[in-house]
Amino acid sequence: MANYNFDYKGTLPLDFETFPEVSNLFEEGKDSNIYTGSYEIDGKHVLMPGMIGGSPLTEEQIFNLYDRGDHFGRYDTSEELKEADIQIHEWFKRLKGGRNVGMTTEDKIIDYLKKQ
């Protein structure tokens, strides 16, 4: 498993191959790598992806992933889960080098043109 510079308890790789940047499903003009959702399973708070490979997952697909042992981590408290969720999102921001994070597509184009 890769070193993510935080205590990652998940089994899914945090990389662009598994989680490519795609158009955000909820905010037009923005891009995202991951969506997350939480579930309480067997007394644990489980952080799960809402999409893989740029495609949204159904609830059935999410639970099938969990049954295979794929997740972003199992936590004792909802606070630990929230902190892990923040760290995973921050990981992708760092992976992108902070460039264009949270920018609209139009802003990305303007930013790109300014660098030319």
N, C-alpha and C. Protein backbone atom coordinates (compact mmCIF):
# COMPACT_ATOMS: atom_id res chain seq x y z
N MET A 1 0.85 -1.18 0.00
CA MET A 1 0.00 0.00 0.00
C MET A 1 0.89 1.24 0.00
N ALA A 2 0.44 2.22 -0.68
CA ALA A 2 1.19 3.47 -0.81
C ALA A 2 1.22 4.23 0.50
N ASN A 3 2.20 5.12 0.62
CA ASN A 3 2.30 6.00 1.77
C ASN A 3 1.56 7.29 1.43
N TYR A 4 0.45 7.54 2.12
CA TYR A 4 -0.37 8.71 1.84
C TYR A 4 -0.09 9.87 2.79
N ASN A 5 0.87 9.71 3.67
CA ASN A 5 1.23 10.74 4.65
C ASN A 5 0.11 11.03 5.64
N PHE A 6 -0.78 10.09 5.81
CA PHE A 6 -1.78 10.12 6.88
C PHE A 6 -2.20 8.67 7.13
N ASP A 7 -2.88 8.45 8.23
CA ASP A 7 -3.27 7.09 8.62
C ASP A 7 -4.47 6.64 7.79
N TYR A 8 -4.19 6.13 6.61
CA TYR A 8 -5.24 5.67 5.70
C TYR A 8 -5.62 4.25 6.06
N LYS A 9 -6.89 4.05 6.42
CA LYS A 9 -7.38 2.73 6.83
C LYS A 9 -8.14 2.03 5.72
N GLY A 10 -8.14 2.60 4.54
CA GLY A 10 -8.88 2.03 3.43
C GLY A 10 -8.08 1.00 2.65
N THR A 11 -8.77 0.35 1.74
CA THR A 11 -8.15 -0.66 0.89
C THR A 11 -8.08 -0.24 -0.57
N LEU A 12 -8.82 0.80 -0.94
CA LEU A 12 -8.80 1.28 -2.32
C LEU A 12 -7.60 2.19 -2.54
N PRO A 13 -6.95 2.09 -3.68
CA PRO A 13 -5.82 2.99 -3.96
C PRO A 13 -6.33 4.41 -4.21
N LEU A 14 -5.61 5.38 -3.70
CA LEU A 14 -5.98 6.79 -3.89
C LEU A 14 -5.14 7.33 -5.03
N ASP A 15 -5.54 6.99 -6.26
CA ASP A 15 -4.77 7.41 -7.43
C ASP A 15 -5.70 7.85 -8.55
N PHE A 16 -5.13 8.50 -9.55
CA PHE A 16 -5.92 9.02 -10.66
C PHE A 16 -6.43 7.91 -11.58
N GLU A 17 -5.78 6.75 -11.57
CA GLU A 17 -6.27 5.64 -12.40
C GLU A 17 -7.62 5.16 -11.89
N THR A 18 -7.73 4.99 -10.58
CA THR A 18 -8.97 4.53 -9.98
C THR A 18 -9.99 5.66 -9.88
N PHE A 19 -9.49 6.86 -9.60
CA PHE A 19 -10.36 8.02 -9.38
C PHE A 19 -9.91 9.19 -10.26
N PRO A 20 -10.18 9.10 -11.58
CA PRO A 20 -9.80 10.19 -12.49
C PRO A 20 -10.66 11.42 -12.24
N GLU A 21 -10.15 12.57 -12.63
CA GLU A 21 -10.91 13.81 -12.50
C GLU A 21 -11.95 13.87 -13.61
N VAL A 22 -13.20 14.05 -13.20
CA VAL A 22 -14.31 14.12 -14.16
C VAL A 22 -15.20 15.29 -13.77
N SER A 23 -16.13 15.64 -14.66
CA SER A 23 -17.08 16.72 -14.36
C SER A 23 -17.89 16.36 -13.13
N ASN A 24 -18.02 17.32 -12.24
CA ASN A 24 -18.75 17.12 -11.00
C ASN A 24 -20.23 16.91 -11.31
N LEU A 25 -20.81 15.88 -10.73
CA LEU A 25 -22.21 15.57 -10.97
C LEU A 25 -23.16 16.56 -10.31
N PHE A 26 -22.68 17.28 -9.31
CA PHE A 26 -23.55 18.13 -8.52
C PHE A 26 -23.30 19.62 -8.72
N GLU A 27 -22.12 19.98 -9.23
CA GLU A 27 -21.79 21.39 -9.44
C GLU A 27 -21.30 21.58 -10.87
N GLU A 28 -22.15 22.15 -11.69
CA GLU A 28 -21.82 22.34 -13.10
C GLU A 28 -20.57 23.20 -13.26
N GLY A 29 -19.68 22.77 -14.14
CA GLY A 29 -18.46 23.51 -14.43
C GLY A 29 -17.30 23.19 -13.51
N LYS A 30 -17.50 22.31 -12.52
CA LYS A 30 -16.40 21.93 -11.63
C LYS A 30 -16.05 20.47 -11.87
N ASP A 31 -14.85 20.10 -11.47
CA ASP A 31 -14.36 18.74 -11.64
C ASP A 31 -14.12 18.11 -10.27
N SER A 32 -14.20 16.78 -10.21
CA SER A 32 -13.97 16.04 -8.97
C SER A 32 -13.29 14.72 -9.27
N ASN A 33 -12.59 14.20 -8.28
CA ASN A 33 -12.00 12.87 -8.37
C ASN A 33 -12.85 11.83 -7.63
N ILE A 34 -13.38 12.26 -6.49
CA ILE A 34 -14.11 11.30 -5.66
C ILE A 34 -15.37 11.93 -5.08
N TYR A 35 -16.32 11.07 -4.84
CA TYR A 35 -17.49 11.36 -4.01
C TYR A 35 -17.45 10.31 -2.92
N THR A 36 -17.81 10.68 -1.74
CA THR A 36 -17.80 9.72 -0.64
C THR A 36 -19.17 9.68 0.03
N GLY A 37 -19.43 8.56 0.64
CA GLY A 37 -20.64 8.38 1.44
C GLY A 37 -20.29 7.53 2.63
N SER A 38 -21.05 7.68 3.69
CA SER A 38 -20.76 6.89 4.89
C SER A 38 -21.94 6.01 5.23
N TYR A 39 -21.61 4.88 5.81
CA TYR A 39 -22.60 3.88 6.20
C TYR A 39 -22.19 3.32 7.55
N GLU A 40 -23.17 2.93 8.34
CA GLU A 40 -22.87 2.23 9.58
C GLU A 40 -23.12 0.74 9.33
N ILE A 41 -22.06 -0.03 9.43
CA ILE A 41 -22.13 -1.47 9.16
C ILE A 41 -21.43 -2.20 10.29
N ASP A 42 -22.13 -3.13 10.90
CA ASP A 42 -21.57 -3.94 11.99
C ASP A 42 -20.94 -3.08 13.09
N GLY A 43 -21.59 -1.98 13.43
CA GLY A 43 -21.11 -1.11 14.50
C GLY A 43 -19.92 -0.23 14.14
N LYS A 44 -19.52 -0.23 12.88
CA LYS A 44 -18.42 0.62 12.41
C LYS A 44 -18.96 1.67 11.45
N HIS A 45 -18.28 2.80 11.38
CA HIS A 45 -18.60 3.84 10.41
C HIS A 45 -17.69 3.61 9.22
N VAL A 46 -18.29 3.34 8.07
CA VAL A 46 -17.54 2.95 6.87
C VAL A 46 -17.63 4.06 5.83
N LEU A 47 -16.48 4.47 5.32
CA LEU A 47 -16.40 5.49 4.27
C LEU A 47 -16.26 4.78 2.92
N MET A 48 -17.21 5.07 2.03
CA MET A 48 -17.25 4.38 0.73
C MET A 48 -17.21 5.38 -0.41
N PRO A 49 -16.69 4.95 -1.57
CA PRO A 49 -16.71 5.82 -2.75
C PRO A 49 -18.11 5.87 -3.34
N GLY A 50 -18.44 6.99 -3.97
CA GLY A 50 -19.69 7.12 -4.70
C GLY A 50 -19.49 6.99 -6.19
N MET A 51 -18.22 6.93 -6.60
CA MET A 51 -17.89 6.68 -8.01
C MET A 51 -16.50 6.07 -8.09
N ILE A 52 -16.29 5.32 -9.14
CA ILE A 52 -14.98 4.73 -9.44
C ILE A 52 -14.79 4.83 -10.95
N GLY A 53 -13.59 5.17 -11.35
CA GLY A 53 -13.29 5.28 -12.77
C GLY A 53 -14.08 6.38 -13.45
N GLY A 54 -14.54 7.36 -12.66
CA GLY A 54 -15.30 8.46 -13.22
C GLY A 54 -16.77 8.17 -13.40
N SER A 55 -17.22 6.96 -13.00
CA SER A 55 -18.63 6.58 -13.15
C SER A 55 -19.30 6.48 -11.79
N PRO A 56 -20.49 7.06 -11.65
CA PRO A 56 -21.21 6.96 -10.38
C PRO A 56 -21.59 5.50 -10.09
N LEU A 57 -21.64 5.18 -8.81
CA LEU A 57 -21.99 3.84 -8.37
C LEU A 57 -23.41 3.82 -7.81
N THR A 58 -24.11 2.73 -8.05
CA THR A 58 -25.40 2.53 -7.42
C THR A 58 -25.15 2.05 -5.99
N GLU A 59 -26.19 2.12 -5.16
CA GLU A 59 -26.04 1.63 -3.79
C GLU A 59 -25.67 0.15 -3.79
N GLU A 60 -26.24 -0.61 -4.71
CA GLU A 60 -25.91 -2.04 -4.81
C GLU A 60 -24.42 -2.24 -5.14
N GLN A 61 -23.90 -1.44 -6.06
CA GLN A 61 -22.48 -1.54 -6.41
C GLN A 61 -21.61 -1.16 -5.22
N ILE A 62 -22.03 -0.15 -4.46
CA ILE A 62 -21.27 0.27 -3.29
C ILE A 62 -21.20 -0.87 -2.27
N PHE A 63 -22.34 -1.52 -2.01
CA PHE A 63 -22.33 -2.62 -1.05
C PHE A 63 -21.58 -3.83 -1.58
N ASN A 64 -21.59 -4.06 -2.90
CA ASN A 64 -20.79 -5.13 -3.47
C ASN A 64 -19.30 -4.85 -3.27
N LEU A 65 -18.89 -3.59 -3.43
CA LEU A 65 -17.49 -3.22 -3.16
C LEU A 65 -17.14 -3.55 -1.71
N TYR A 66 -18.01 -3.15 -0.80
CA TYR A 66 -17.75 -3.40 0.62
C TYR A 66 -17.64 -4.90 0.89
N ASP A 67 -18.54 -5.67 0.29
CA ASP A 67 -18.51 -7.13 0.48
C ASP A 67 -17.19 -7.72 -0.02
N ARG A 68 -16.59 -7.11 -1.04
CA ARG A 68 -15.29 -7.57 -1.56
C ARG A 68 -14.13 -7.06 -0.71
N GLY A 69 -14.43 -6.16 0.24
CA GLY A 69 -13.38 -5.62 1.09
C GLY A 69 -12.80 -4.31 0.60
N ASP A 70 -13.47 -3.66 -0.35
CA ASP A 70 -12.99 -2.39 -0.90
C ASP A 70 -13.73 -1.23 -0.24
N HIS A 71 -12.95 -0.30 0.34
CA HIS A 71 -13.55 0.84 1.04
C HIS A 71 -12.46 1.87 1.32
N PHE A 72 -12.88 3.03 1.86
CA PHE A 72 -11.95 4.09 2.27
C PHE A 72 -11.65 4.02 3.76
N GLY A 73 -12.10 3.00 4.42
CA GLY A 73 -11.78 2.81 5.83
C GLY A 73 -12.99 2.54 6.69
N ARG A 74 -12.73 1.79 7.78
CA ARG A 74 -13.74 1.49 8.80
C ARG A 74 -13.29 2.19 10.08
N TYR A 75 -14.19 2.97 10.67
CA TYR A 75 -13.83 3.82 11.80
C TYR A 75 -14.77 3.58 12.98
N ASP A 76 -14.24 3.79 14.17
CA ASP A 76 -15.03 3.59 15.39
C ASP A 76 -16.05 4.69 15.62
N THR A 77 -15.74 5.92 15.19
CA THR A 77 -16.64 7.04 15.43
C THR A 77 -16.89 7.82 14.15
N SER A 78 -17.98 8.56 14.14
CA SER A 78 -18.28 9.39 12.97
C SER A 78 -17.26 10.51 12.84
N GLU A 79 -16.70 10.96 13.96
CA GLU A 79 -15.67 12.00 13.92
C GLU A 79 -14.41 11.50 13.20
N GLU A 80 -13.99 10.27 13.50
CA GLU A 80 -12.83 9.68 12.82
C GLU A 80 -13.12 9.57 11.32
N LEU A 81 -14.33 9.17 10.97
CA LEU A 81 -14.71 9.04 9.57
C LEU A 81 -14.65 10.40 8.88
N LYS A 82 -15.19 11.44 9.50
CA LYS A 82 -15.17 12.78 8.91
C LYS A 82 -13.74 13.26 8.70
N GLU A 83 -12.87 13.01 9.66
CA GLU A 83 -11.46 13.42 9.53
C GLU A 83 -10.80 12.66 8.37
N ALA A 84 -11.08 11.37 8.26
CA ALA A 84 -10.52 10.58 7.16
C ALA A 84 -11.02 11.10 5.81
N ASP A 85 -12.30 11.44 5.75
CA ASP A 85 -12.87 11.98 4.52
C ASP A 85 -12.15 13.26 4.10
N ILE A 86 -11.92 14.14 5.06
CA ILE A 86 -11.18 15.38 4.78
C ILE A 86 -9.78 15.07 4.28
N GLN A 87 -9.09 14.15 4.94
CA GLN A 87 -7.72 13.82 4.56
C GLN A 87 -7.65 13.21 3.17
N ILE A 88 -8.62 12.39 2.82
CA ILE A 88 -8.63 11.78 1.48
C ILE A 88 -8.85 12.86 0.42
N HIS A 89 -9.77 13.77 0.65
CA HIS A 89 -9.98 14.86 -0.30
C HIS A 89 -8.73 15.75 -0.40
N GLU A 90 -8.11 16.03 0.73
CA GLU A 90 -6.87 16.83 0.73
C GLU A 90 -5.76 16.09 -0.02
N TRP A 91 -5.71 14.78 0.10
CA TRP A 91 -4.71 13.98 -0.62
C TRP A 91 -4.81 14.24 -2.11
N PHE A 92 -6.03 14.21 -2.65
CA PHE A 92 -6.19 14.44 -4.08
C PHE A 92 -5.82 15.87 -4.46
N LYS A 93 -6.09 16.83 -3.59
CA LYS A 93 -5.67 18.20 -3.86
C LYS A 93 -4.15 18.28 -3.93
N ARG A 94 -3.46 17.62 -3.00
CA ARG A 94 -1.99 17.61 -3.03
C ARG A 94 -1.49 16.87 -4.25
N LEU A 95 -2.14 15.77 -4.61
CA LEU A 95 -1.74 14.98 -5.77
C LEU A 95 -1.83 15.83 -7.05
N LYS A 96 -2.81 16.69 -7.09
CA LYS A 96 -2.95 17.60 -8.23
C LYS A 96 -1.97 18.77 -8.14
N GLY A 97 -1.23 18.82 -7.04
CA GLY A 97 -0.27 19.90 -6.86
C GLY A 97 -0.93 21.23 -6.55
N GLY A 98 -2.18 21.17 -6.10
CA GLY A 98 -2.89 22.39 -5.78
C GLY A 98 -3.35 23.17 -7.00
N ARG A 99 -3.02 22.67 -8.18
CA ARG A 99 -3.39 23.40 -9.38
C ARG A 99 -4.86 23.20 -9.70
N ASN A 100 -5.51 24.26 -10.04
CA ASN A 100 -6.88 24.23 -10.52
C ASN A 100 -7.88 23.57 -9.56
N VAL A 101 -7.55 23.46 -8.30
CA VAL A 101 -8.45 22.82 -7.36
C VAL A 101 -9.65 23.71 -7.11
N GLY A 102 -10.82 23.16 -7.29
CA GLY A 102 -12.05 23.90 -7.03
C GLY A 102 -12.37 24.98 -8.05
N MET A 103 -11.68 25.00 -9.16
CA MET A 103 -11.92 26.02 -10.17
C MET A 103 -12.97 25.53 -11.17
N THR A 104 -13.71 26.47 -11.74
CA THR A 104 -14.64 26.11 -12.80
C THR A 104 -13.83 25.79 -14.06
N THR A 105 -14.45 25.14 -15.01
CA THR A 105 -13.78 24.83 -16.27
C THR A 105 -13.33 26.11 -16.96
N GLU A 106 -14.18 27.13 -16.93
CA GLU A 106 -13.82 28.41 -17.55
C GLU A 106 -12.59 29.02 -16.86
N ASP A 107 -12.55 28.98 -15.53
CA ASP A 107 -11.40 29.50 -14.80
C ASP A 107 -10.13 28.71 -15.12
N LYS A 108 -10.26 27.40 -15.32
CA LYS A 108 -9.10 26.58 -15.67
C LYS A 108 -8.54 27.00 -17.02
N ILE A 109 -9.43 27.28 -17.97
CA ILE A 109 -8.99 27.71 -19.30
C ILE A 109 -8.28 29.05 -19.21
N ILE A 110 -8.86 29.98 -18.47
CA ILE A 110 -8.25 31.30 -18.30
C ILE A 110 -6.89 31.17 -17.61
N ASP A 111 -6.82 30.34 -16.58
CA ASP A 111 -5.55 30.11 -15.87
C ASP A 111 -4.51 29.52 -16.82
N TYR A 112 -4.92 28.57 -17.65
CA TYR A 112 -4.01 27.96 -18.62
C TYR A 112 -3.51 29.00 -19.61
N LEU A 113 -4.41 29.82 -20.13
CA LEU A 113 -4.02 30.83 -21.11
C LEU A 113 -3.07 31.88 -20.52
N LYS A 114 -3.25 32.20 -19.26
CA LYS A 114 -2.36 33.16 -18.61
C LYS A 114 -0.93 32.64 -18.52
N LYS A 115 -0.78 31.33 -18.46
CA LYS A 115 0.55 30.72 -18.33
C LYS A 115 1.24 30.57 -19.68
N GLN A 116 0.54 30.84 -20.77
CA GLN A 116 1.13 30.69 -22.12
C GLN A 116 1.90 31.92 -22.52
